[in-house]
């Protein structure tokens, strides 16, 4: 491959094109009209306008194939979200003579259906949470759901069969909630994934959400890159990710990594993927799903291993063997990623789209990585997700990583929209987090995390920045 089109936007498009350019290849960006001033377009070697949008053109397979042909690209990287887990996309790439930088279409199709994915895990000898088949529509579906509830008891997790990102998921505690939530979950799943199918799983109380990054080439070599803990979530969507998982039982972690490899082998997996598990309070783990794409939180794995996952994806797609074996993977220290979103945590994380960033000053120094699209003067689109920057830090110890994240957050000034920065500052100062004690109930158990005065903090930061400009006579916002 000499030229790669990135079929995505925002920080992930920017991250991928950097890996493409580092390999001496040409990176082609695409954009809808609301993204005409986006950073990924400025950084790309070439950029192609694909339509007015919003969102519909990023989701248009024909538009992406047209753009790749127009640019003379050899391959397409889907990033995450949008078309990344649509099995029709790699098939269309293949038909067009383009290399799809991701798993084969049949693998995406199988693992994208969570009921089929559970069957694959069971065939691999990996424990799964008791679950149902796809629930039929109408009264028959309600009756089967109630029968499953009688057999397994409440709470239950009502889940969309397709997709991810926490959408189409409902925790239900009794029969009335189950029946009431089914049409709502179907509507959300239909809107998010164009697939309204649902199934049920037995609820696991206060679990840890652990995942394993895997890489697999087309020659049958599969390795894992250690674990991540993604337990701190809101509405089943991840907020904070760490690597490696802070579970003292190394045998348990080794068993989880081995299970991830088994699932990938059983699925005939190729390229980068993530196998996700729940670990209950008794130390038992269960397969949850396998994501057939690059994950938002891949940065923490890269920080603790020193490996470039996107570069590996490109090499695998080009037909090359993995450059490293399992023995080459060494976990060094601890990494934490926090998603700096333009959201108001106090108002149910309501997005702040439409606002302009009037001041942007990011932290730097040893062990800090920024993957983002924000800059001074950036108008946050109302039509896309609210992620501005992924802030990732690395430390030799967990304590050092937490202290580094605290320092980075204190030095991060974004004025204009409300952001998640002050909320995260409360997290890094919270004793349980400092001890590495958290599960998926963390936010529910710590309501004090939402107690802060964001306005006072941002005004104070702005005052310090203005004072610095006047005192030192330089512009800290200059490129």
Protein backbone atom coordinates (compact mmCIF):
# COMPACT_ATOMS: atom_id res chain seq x y z
CA UNK A 1 0.00 0.00 0.00
CA UNK A 2 1.15 3.51 -0.85
CA UNK A 3 -1.96 5.58 -0.10
CA UNK A 4 -4.57 4.97 2.63
CA UNK A 5 -7.93 6.66 3.05
CA UNK A 6 -9.20 7.12 6.62
CA UNK A 7 -12.97 6.65 6.56
CA UNK A 8 -13.61 8.54 9.77
CA UNK A 9 -13.31 11.90 11.49
CA UNK A 10 -12.04 13.58 14.64
CA UNK A 11 -9.29 12.37 16.92
CA UNK A 12 -9.25 8.81 15.61
CA UNK A 13 -8.80 9.97 12.02
CA UNK A 14 -5.95 12.18 13.20
CA UNK A 15 -4.35 9.32 15.13
CA UNK A 16 -4.55 6.91 12.18
CA UNK A 17 -3.19 9.35 9.62
CA UNK A 18 -0.15 9.96 11.81
CA UNK A 19 0.61 6.23 11.79
CA UNK A 20 0.12 6.18 8.03
CA UNK A 21 2.49 9.12 7.52
CA UNK A 22 5.12 7.62 9.85
CA UNK A 23 5.34 4.66 7.50
CA UNK A 24 6.03 6.93 4.56
CA UNK A 25 2.55 6.43 3.14
CA UNK A 26 0.08 9.06 1.92
CA UNK A 27 -2.87 9.75 4.24
CA UNK A 28 -6.18 10.79 2.69
CA UNK A 29 -8.86 12.38 4.86
CA UNK A 30 -12.57 12.73 4.18
CA UNK A 31 -14.99 15.25 5.61
CA UNK A 32 -18.57 16.40 5.70
CA UNK A 33 -19.31 20.12 5.60
CA UNK A 34 -19.54 20.57 9.42
CA UNK A 35 -15.94 19.26 9.62
CA UNK A 36 -14.45 21.58 7.01
CA UNK A 37 -12.21 23.22 9.66
CA UNK A 38 -11.39 19.98 11.50
CA UNK A 39 -7.82 19.17 12.49
CA UNK A 40 -7.78 15.81 10.74
CA UNK A 41 -8.39 17.58 7.43
CA UNK A 42 -5.59 20.06 8.06
CA UNK A 43 -3.16 17.27 8.90
CA UNK A 44 -4.03 14.94 6.00
CA UNK A 45 -1.88 14.85 2.86
CA UNK A 46 -5.07 15.02 0.81
CA UNK A 47 -8.68 15.70 1.77
CA UNK A 48 -11.88 14.86 -0.07
CA UNK A 49 -15.28 16.39 0.64
CA UNK A 50 -17.94 13.66 0.72
CA UNK A 51 -21.14 15.64 1.33
CA UNK A 52 -23.13 18.05 3.45
CA UNK A 53 -23.78 15.47 6.15
CA UNK A 54 -24.17 15.48 9.03
CA UNK A 55 -23.17 11.87 9.75
CA UNK A 56 -25.01 10.37 6.77
CA UNK A 57 -22.02 10.67 4.44
CA UNK A 58 -19.59 9.19 6.98
CA UNK A 59 -22.02 6.26 7.02
CA UNK A 60 -22.28 5.99 3.22
CA UNK A 61 -20.26 3.05 1.90
CA UNK A 62 -20.61 4.14 -1.73
CA UNK A 63 -19.28 7.61 -0.86
CA UNK A 64 -16.24 6.11 0.85
CA UNK A 65 -15.46 3.81 -2.07
CA UNK A 66 -15.89 6.75 -4.47
CA UNK A 67 -13.52 8.89 -2.38
CA UNK A 68 -10.90 6.13 -2.25
CA UNK A 69 -11.04 5.70 -6.02
CA UNK A 70 -10.90 9.46 -6.59
CA UNK A 71 -7.78 9.66 -4.42
CA UNK A 72 -6.18 6.60 -5.95
CA UNK A 73 -5.96 4.95 -2.53
CA UNK A 74 -4.89 1.33 -2.10
CA UNK A 75 -6.53 0.75 1.28
CA UNK A 76 -9.12 2.07 3.71
CA UNK A 77 -8.90 2.26 7.50
CA UNK A 78 -12.37 2.55 9.11
CA UNK A 79 -11.28 3.81 12.55
CA UNK A 80 -14.03 3.13 15.09
CA UNK A 81 -17.71 3.94 15.01
CA UNK A 82 -19.49 4.79 11.75
CA UNK A 83 -18.72 1.97 9.27
CA UNK A 84 -16.04 0.18 11.31
CA UNK A 85 -18.24 -2.78 12.31
CA UNK A 86 -20.46 -2.92 9.25
CA UNK A 87 -19.60 -6.18 7.42
CA UNK A 88 -20.84 -4.69 4.16
CA UNK A 89 -17.94 -2.22 4.20
CA UNK A 90 -15.02 -4.69 3.94
CA UNK A 91 -17.02 -6.61 1.31
CA UNK A 92 -17.45 -3.41 -0.73
CA UNK A 93 -13.74 -2.68 -0.37
CA UNK A 94 -12.88 -6.15 -1.61
CA UNK A 95 -15.23 -5.80 -4.58
CA UNK A 96 -13.58 -2.46 -5.42
CA UNK A 97 -10.07 -3.91 -5.23
CA UNK A 98 -9.24 -2.00 -2.04
CA UNK A 99 -7.56 -3.36 1.09
CA UNK A 100 -9.73 -3.09 4.20
CA UNK A 101 -7.58 -2.49 7.28
CA UNK A 102 -9.54 -4.62 9.71
CA UNK A 103 -11.02 -8.11 10.07
CA UNK A 104 -12.70 -10.00 7.20
CA UNK A 105 -16.37 -9.32 6.54
CA UNK A 106 -17.51 -12.77 7.74
CA UNK A 107 -15.70 -12.31 11.06
CA UNK A 108 -17.26 -8.87 11.62
CA UNK A 109 -20.67 -10.31 10.75
CA UNK A 110 -20.34 -13.20 13.20
CA UNK A 111 -18.89 -11.28 16.14
CA UNK A 112 -21.15 -8.28 15.54
CA UNK A 113 -24.06 -10.49 16.52
CA UNK A 114 -23.61 -10.87 20.27
CA UNK A 115 -25.68 -14.05 20.38
CA UNK A 116 -23.44 -15.70 17.77
CA UNK A 117 -20.35 -14.32 19.54
CA UNK A 118 -21.48 -16.02 22.76
CA UNK A 119 -21.74 -19.31 20.85
CA UNK A 120 -18.19 -18.86 19.53
CA UNK A 121 -16.90 -18.24 23.05
CA UNK A 122 -18.71 -21.33 24.36
CA UNK A 123 -17.21 -23.42 21.54
CA UNK A 124 -13.79 -22.16 22.61
CA UNK A 125 -14.42 -23.36 26.16
CA UNK A 126 -14.67 -19.83 27.56
CA UNK A 127 -17.27 -19.15 30.28
CA UNK A 128 -20.19 -16.94 29.25
CA UNK A 129 -22.94 -15.22 31.20
CA UNK A 130 -26.25 -17.12 30.95
CA UNK A 131 -28.18 -15.52 28.10
CA UNK A 132 -31.12 -15.93 25.76
CA UNK A 133 -31.45 -16.25 22.02
CA UNK A 134 -32.70 -13.24 20.06
CA UNK A 135 -36.11 -12.28 21.40
CA UNK A 136 -38.95 -12.35 18.85
CA UNK A 137 -41.02 -9.24 18.31
CA UNK A 138 -44.37 -8.66 19.94
CA UNK A 139 -46.06 -10.79 22.57
CA UNK A 140 -43.97 -13.87 21.81
CA UNK A 141 -40.82 -11.93 22.64
CA UNK A 142 -42.31 -10.70 25.91
CA UNK A 143 -43.31 -14.22 26.91
CA UNK A 144 -39.82 -15.61 26.19
CA UNK A 145 -38.24 -12.76 28.10
CA UNK A 146 -40.43 -13.43 31.14
CA UNK A 147 -39.65 -17.14 30.93
CA UNK A 148 -35.90 -16.37 30.94
CA UNK A 149 -36.44 -14.10 33.95
CA UNK A 150 -38.27 -16.86 35.86
CA UNK A 151 -35.38 -19.23 35.19
CA UNK A 152 -32.49 -16.90 36.02
CA UNK A 153 -33.98 -14.21 38.26
CA UNK A 154 -33.44 -10.46 38.34
CA UNK A 155 -31.57 -8.23 37.72
CA UNK A 156 -31.21 -8.85 34.00
CA UNK A 157 -29.45 -6.96 31.23
CA UNK A 158 -31.58 -6.27 28.18
CA UNK A 159 -29.17 -5.78 25.28
CA UNK A 160 -29.07 -4.89 21.61
CA UNK A 161 -27.83 -7.83 19.55
CA UNK A 162 -25.77 -5.55 17.29
CA UNK A 163 -23.46 -2.60 17.87
CA UNK A 164 -21.73 -1.37 21.00
CA UNK A 165 -20.90 1.80 22.89
CA UNK A 166 -23.46 1.07 25.59
CA UNK A 167 -26.45 1.76 23.34
CA UNK A 168 -29.57 -0.36 23.45
CA UNK A 169 -28.71 -1.64 26.93
CA UNK A 170 -31.05 -1.58 29.91
CA UNK A 171 -30.69 -3.02 33.40
CA UNK A 172 -34.09 -4.32 34.52
CA UNK A 173 -34.98 -5.27 38.08
CA UNK A 174 -38.47 -6.72 37.74
CA UNK A 175 -41.01 -7.99 35.21
CA UNK A 176 -42.70 -4.62 34.71
CA UNK A 177 -39.41 -2.90 33.94
CA UNK A 178 -38.52 -5.67 31.51
CA UNK A 179 -41.73 -5.31 29.49
CA UNK A 180 -41.65 -1.50 29.63
CA UNK A 181 -38.02 -1.26 28.52
CA UNK A 182 -38.15 -3.67 25.60
CA UNK A 183 -39.72 -1.23 23.08
CA UNK A 184 -37.40 1.56 24.24
CA UNK A 185 -34.31 -0.61 23.84
CA UNK A 186 -35.50 -1.76 20.42
CA UNK A 187 -36.01 1.83 19.28
CA UNK A 188 -32.55 2.87 20.50
CA UNK A 189 -30.90 -0.13 18.85
CA UNK A 190 -32.74 0.54 15.58
CA UNK A 191 -31.65 4.18 15.58
CA UNK A 192 -28.04 3.42 16.48
CA UNK A 193 -27.37 0.24 14.50
CA UNK A 194 -30.33 -0.15 12.12
CA UNK A 195 -30.97 -3.44 13.91
CA UNK A 196 -33.73 -3.71 16.52
CA UNK A 197 -32.96 -7.24 17.74
CA UNK A 198 -32.59 -7.78 21.49
CA UNK A 199 -31.50 -10.54 23.84
CA UNK A 200 -31.19 -11.01 27.61
CA UNK A 201 -28.29 -11.78 29.92
CA UNK A 202 -28.31 -12.53 33.62
CA UNK A 203 -27.08 -9.46 35.50
CA UNK A 204 -23.65 -9.63 37.14
CA UNK A 205 -23.67 -7.49 40.28
CA UNK A 206 -20.92 -4.86 40.67
CA UNK A 207 -18.50 -6.46 38.19
CA UNK A 208 -15.21 -5.20 36.88
CA UNK A 209 -15.14 -4.65 33.11
CA UNK A 210 -11.88 -6.12 31.85
CA UNK A 211 -10.75 -6.35 28.24
CA UNK A 212 -7.82 -7.83 26.35
CA UNK A 213 -6.20 -6.37 23.23
CA UNK A 214 -5.31 -8.99 20.64
CA UNK A 215 -3.44 -8.89 17.34
CA UNK A 216 -3.73 -11.67 14.76
CA UNK A 217 -2.09 -11.98 11.36
CA UNK A 218 -3.27 -14.03 8.39
CA UNK A 219 -0.66 -16.73 9.10
CA UNK A 220 -2.35 -17.94 12.27
CA UNK A 221 -0.21 -16.02 14.77
CA UNK A 222 -2.21 -14.45 17.61
CA UNK A 223 -0.87 -12.49 20.57
CA UNK A 224 -2.42 -10.51 23.39
CA UNK A 225 -1.14 -7.17 24.67
CA UNK A 226 -2.31 -7.45 28.25
CA UNK A 227 -5.43 -6.25 30.00
CA UNK A 228 -7.34 -3.00 30.40
CA UNK A 229 -9.86 -2.01 33.07
CA UNK A 230 -12.81 -0.01 31.72
CA UNK A 231 -15.07 -0.27 34.76
CA UNK A 232 -15.67 3.46 35.35
CA UNK A 233 -18.63 4.17 33.07
CA UNK A 234 -21.70 6.27 32.69
CA UNK A 235 -24.76 4.79 30.98
CA UNK A 236 -22.66 1.74 30.04
CA UNK A 237 -20.22 4.00 28.16
CA UNK A 238 -16.60 4.13 29.27
CA UNK A 239 -15.14 7.27 30.82
CA UNK A 240 -11.82 6.14 32.31
CA UNK A 241 -9.58 3.33 31.07
CA UNK A 242 -6.42 1.95 32.64
CA UNK A 243 -3.77 -0.61 31.73
CA UNK A 244 -3.02 -3.09 33.06
CA UNK A 245 -6.07 -4.09 35.11
CA UNK A 246 -5.51 -3.61 38.84
CA UNK A 247 -6.42 -7.15 39.86
CA UNK A 248 -3.88 -8.65 42.30
CA UNK A 249 -4.62 -12.23 41.21
CA UNK A 250 -2.14 -12.69 38.37
CA UNK A 251 -3.41 -16.20 37.68
CA UNK A 252 -6.87 -14.76 37.03
CA UNK A 253 -5.46 -12.17 34.63
CA UNK A 254 -3.43 -14.84 32.82
CA UNK A 255 -6.54 -16.99 32.47
CA UNK A 256 -8.48 -14.05 31.03
CA UNK A 257 -5.73 -13.37 28.47
CA UNK A 258 -5.64 -17.05 27.52
CA UNK A 259 -9.42 -17.02 27.08
CA UNK A 260 -9.14 -13.99 24.79
CA UNK A 261 -6.70 -15.86 22.55
CA UNK A 262 -9.04 -18.87 22.46
CA UNK A 263 -11.97 -16.71 21.34
CA UNK A 264 -9.88 -15.09 18.61
CA UNK A 265 -8.69 -18.49 17.40
CA UNK A 266 -12.21 -19.93 17.37
CA UNK A 267 -13.44 -16.92 15.37
CA UNK A 268 -10.57 -17.19 12.83
CA UNK A 269 -9.75 -13.61 13.72
CA UNK A 270 -7.38 -11.41 11.71
CA UNK A 271 -6.14 -7.88 12.57
CA UNK A 272 -6.63 -5.96 15.85
CA UNK A 273 -9.52 -6.76 18.14
CA UNK A 274 -10.63 -6.55 21.75
CA UNK A 275 -12.17 -9.36 23.79
CA UNK A 276 -14.23 -8.07 26.71
CA UNK A 277 -15.09 -9.80 29.98
CA UNK A 278 -16.92 -9.20 33.23
CA UNK A 279 -15.30 -10.30 36.49
CA UNK A 280 -17.67 -10.81 39.40
CA UNK A 281 -17.00 -10.16 43.08
CA UNK A 282 -16.02 -13.80 43.56
CA UNK A 283 -13.25 -13.63 40.96
CA UNK A 284 -15.12 -15.52 38.23
CA UNK A 285 -14.85 -14.12 34.71
CA UNK A 286 -17.31 -14.31 31.82
CA UNK A 287 -17.05 -13.48 28.12
CA UNK A 288 -19.00 -10.35 27.25
CA UNK A 289 -18.28 -9.58 23.57
CA UNK A 290 -15.51 -9.11 21.02
CA UNK A 291 -15.08 -5.74 19.32
CA UNK A 292 -13.87 -6.09 15.75
CA UNK A 293 -12.18 -2.70 15.52
CA UNK A 294 -9.68 -0.37 17.06
CA UNK A 295 -10.87 0.74 20.51
CA UNK A 296 -11.01 4.30 21.83
CA UNK A 297 -8.84 3.17 24.75
CA UNK A 298 -6.07 1.56 22.69
CA UNK A 299 -3.76 4.38 23.86
CA UNK A 300 -3.26 2.92 27.34
CA UNK A 301 -2.12 -0.39 25.87
CA UNK A 302 0.32 1.44 23.60
CA UNK A 303 1.68 3.40 26.57
CA UNK A 304 2.45 0.30 28.66
CA UNK A 305 3.77 -1.86 25.80
CA UNK A 306 5.49 0.73 23.58
CA UNK A 307 3.81 -0.86 20.53
CA UNK A 308 1.86 0.95 17.79
CA UNK A 309 -1.40 -0.92 17.28
CA UNK A 310 -2.45 1.04 14.19
CA UNK A 311 0.91 0.39 12.53
CA UNK A 312 0.43 -3.31 13.25
CA UNK A 313 -3.05 -3.14 11.71
CA UNK A 314 -1.65 -1.69 8.49
CA UNK A 315 1.10 -4.32 8.31
CA UNK A 316 -1.34 -7.18 8.89
CA UNK A 317 -3.72 -5.85 6.23
CA UNK A 318 -0.77 -5.65 3.82
CA UNK A 319 -0.24 -9.39 4.30
CA UNK A 320 2.77 -9.19 6.57
CA UNK A 321 3.48 -11.43 9.54
CA UNK A 322 3.40 -10.03 13.06
CA UNK A 323 6.79 -8.52 13.84
CA UNK A 324 6.70 -9.69 17.44
CA UNK A 325 5.80 -12.79 19.42
CA UNK A 326 4.03 -13.11 22.76
CA UNK A 327 7.42 -13.15 24.48
CA UNK A 328 8.15 -9.69 23.03
CA UNK A 329 5.19 -8.12 24.82
CA UNK A 330 6.25 -6.57 28.13
CA UNK A 331 3.96 -4.50 30.34
CA UNK A 332 5.81 -1.59 31.89
CA UNK A 333 4.16 0.61 34.50
CA UNK A 334 0.59 1.90 34.46
CA UNK A 335 -1.40 4.08 32.08
CA UNK A 336 -4.67 5.99 32.53
CA UNK A 337 -6.85 7.48 29.80
CA UNK A 338 -9.57 10.04 30.51
CA UNK A 339 -11.90 11.27 27.79
CA UNK A 340 -12.13 15.05 27.88
CA UNK A 341 -15.64 15.59 26.57
CA UNK A 342 -17.57 18.79 25.94
CA UNK A 343 -20.26 17.71 28.37
CA UNK A 344 -21.82 18.87 31.61
CA UNK A 345 -21.43 16.01 34.12
CA UNK A 346 -23.78 17.77 36.55
CA UNK A 347 -26.54 17.76 33.94
CA UNK A 348 -26.48 14.05 33.10
CA UNK A 349 -23.44 14.61 30.87
CA UNK A 350 -25.44 16.80 28.48
CA UNK A 351 -23.31 17.62 25.37
CA UNK A 352 -22.10 21.20 24.89
CA UNK A 353 -22.16 21.25 21.09
CA UNK A 354 -22.33 24.64 19.38
CA UNK A 355 -19.99 26.40 21.81
CA UNK A 356 -16.67 27.97 20.84
CA UNK A 357 -13.42 27.19 22.66
CA UNK A 358 -12.12 30.64 23.56
CA UNK A 359 -9.07 29.41 25.49
CA UNK A 360 -7.24 26.14 24.93
CA UNK A 361 -4.05 25.35 26.81
CA UNK A 362 -3.02 21.70 27.10
CA UNK A 363 -0.58 20.04 29.51
CA UNK A 364 2.75 18.55 28.54
CA UNK A 365 5.79 16.88 30.02
CA UNK A 366 7.03 13.37 30.60
CA UNK A 367 4.51 10.55 30.28
CA UNK A 368 1.66 12.60 28.82
CA UNK A 369 -0.09 11.84 25.51
CA UNK A 370 -2.84 13.91 23.88
CA UNK A 371 -5.08 12.62 21.09
CA UNK A 372 -7.55 15.34 20.24
CA UNK A 373 -9.20 17.74 17.85
CA UNK A 374 -9.65 20.82 20.01
CA UNK A 375 -7.92 24.17 19.54
CA UNK A 376 -8.53 27.82 20.40
CA UNK A 377 -11.36 29.10 18.23
CA UNK A 378 -12.76 25.63 17.50
CA UNK A 379 -16.55 25.59 17.27
CA UNK A 380 -17.75 22.28 18.67
CA UNK A 381 -20.15 20.65 16.17
CA UNK A 382 -23.56 19.79 17.53
CA UNK A 383 -23.98 16.87 15.16
CA UNK A 384 -21.11 14.57 16.24
CA UNK A 385 -19.93 13.07 19.52
CA UNK A 386 -18.64 15.34 22.27
CA UNK A 387 -15.09 13.97 22.57
CA UNK A 388 -12.48 16.76 22.41
CA UNK A 389 -9.29 15.14 23.63
CA UNK A 390 -8.14 11.81 25.00
CA UNK A 391 -5.68 12.52 27.79
CA UNK A 392 -3.43 9.53 28.51
CA UNK A 393 -0.67 9.42 31.11
CA UNK A 394 1.95 6.82 32.00
CA UNK A 395 3.69 6.24 35.30
CA UNK A 396 6.17 3.71 36.64
CA UNK A 397 3.74 2.90 39.48
CA UNK A 398 -0.03 3.31 39.86
CA UNK A 399 0.55 6.10 42.37
CA UNK A 400 2.81 7.92 39.93
CA UNK A 401 0.27 7.55 37.12
CA UNK A 402 -2.50 9.03 39.31
CA UNK A 403 -0.28 11.91 40.39
CA UNK A 404 0.67 12.60 36.78
CA UNK A 405 -2.97 12.60 35.71
CA UNK A 406 -3.78 15.04 38.50
CA UNK A 407 -1.01 17.37 37.38
CA UNK A 408 -2.11 17.12 33.74
CA UNK A 409 -5.76 17.87 34.56
CA UNK A 410 -4.79 20.88 36.67
CA UNK A 411 -2.77 22.21 33.76
CA UNK A 412 -5.53 21.69 31.20
CA UNK A 413 -7.50 24.86 30.42
CA UNK A 414 -10.51 24.74 28.12
CA UNK A 415 -12.73 27.83 28.34
CA UNK A 416 -16.03 28.10 26.48
CA UNK A 417 -17.82 24.78 26.85
CA UNK A 418 -18.31 22.89 30.06
CA UNK A 419 -16.06 19.84 30.10
CA UNK A 420 -15.44 16.71 32.12
CA UNK A 421 -12.09 18.05 33.44
CA UNK A 422 -13.28 19.13 36.94
CA UNK A 423 -15.23 15.88 37.29
CA UNK A 424 -12.06 13.91 36.54
CA UNK A 425 -10.10 15.98 39.04
CA UNK A 426 -12.53 14.82 41.69
CA UNK A 427 -11.94 11.22 40.59
CA UNK A 428 -8.13 11.39 40.85
CA UNK A 429 -8.51 12.93 44.33
CA UNK A 430 -10.97 10.27 45.50
CA UNK A 431 -9.42 7.72 47.94
CA UNK A 432 -10.88 4.55 46.38
CA UNK A 433 -9.60 5.50 42.93
CA UNK A 434 -6.18 6.29 44.39
CA UNK A 435 -6.15 2.78 45.87
CA UNK A 436 -7.26 1.24 42.57
CA UNK A 437 -10.61 0.12 43.99
CA UNK A 438 -13.47 0.52 41.50
CA UNK A 439 -16.05 -1.43 39.52
CA UNK A 440 -18.97 -0.56 37.25
CA UNK A 441 -20.90 0.86 40.23
CA UNK A 442 -18.16 3.39 40.99
CA UNK A 443 -20.12 6.53 40.01
CA UNK A 444 -23.25 5.36 41.82
CA UNK A 445 -21.23 4.78 44.99
CA UNK A 446 -19.48 8.16 44.81
CA UNK A 447 -22.09 10.87 44.14
CA UNK A 448 -19.73 13.45 45.65
CA UNK A 449 -17.71 13.32 42.43
CA UNK A 450 -20.29 15.64 40.90
CA UNK A 451 -19.71 18.33 43.54
CA UNK A 452 -17.46 21.04 42.08
CA UNK A 453 -17.56 24.66 40.89
CA UNK A 454 -16.42 24.54 37.31
CA UNK A 455 -16.90 28.25 36.62
CA UNK A 456 -14.62 29.38 39.45
CA UNK A 457 -11.92 26.98 38.37
CA UNK A 458 -11.95 28.03 34.70
CA UNK A 459 -12.00 31.73 35.50
CA UNK A 460 -8.99 31.28 37.79
CA UNK A 461 -7.13 29.40 35.05
CA UNK A 462 -7.93 32.07 32.51
CA UNK A 463 -6.65 34.74 34.89
CA UNK A 464 -3.37 32.86 35.36
CA UNK A 465 -2.95 32.47 31.60
CA UNK A 466 -3.55 36.17 30.99
CA UNK A 467 -1.06 37.03 33.72
CA UNK A 468 1.51 34.74 32.10
CA UNK A 469 1.04 36.42 28.72
CA UNK A 470 1.52 39.91 30.18
CA UNK A 471 4.42 38.90 32.41
CA UNK A 472 6.46 36.91 29.88
CA UNK A 473 5.37 38.65 26.71
CA UNK A 474 4.57 35.56 24.67
CA UNK A 475 1.50 33.88 23.26
CA UNK A 476 1.05 30.37 24.69
CA UNK A 477 -1.64 29.66 22.10
CA UNK A 478 0.65 30.09 19.11
CA UNK A 479 1.11 27.02 16.98
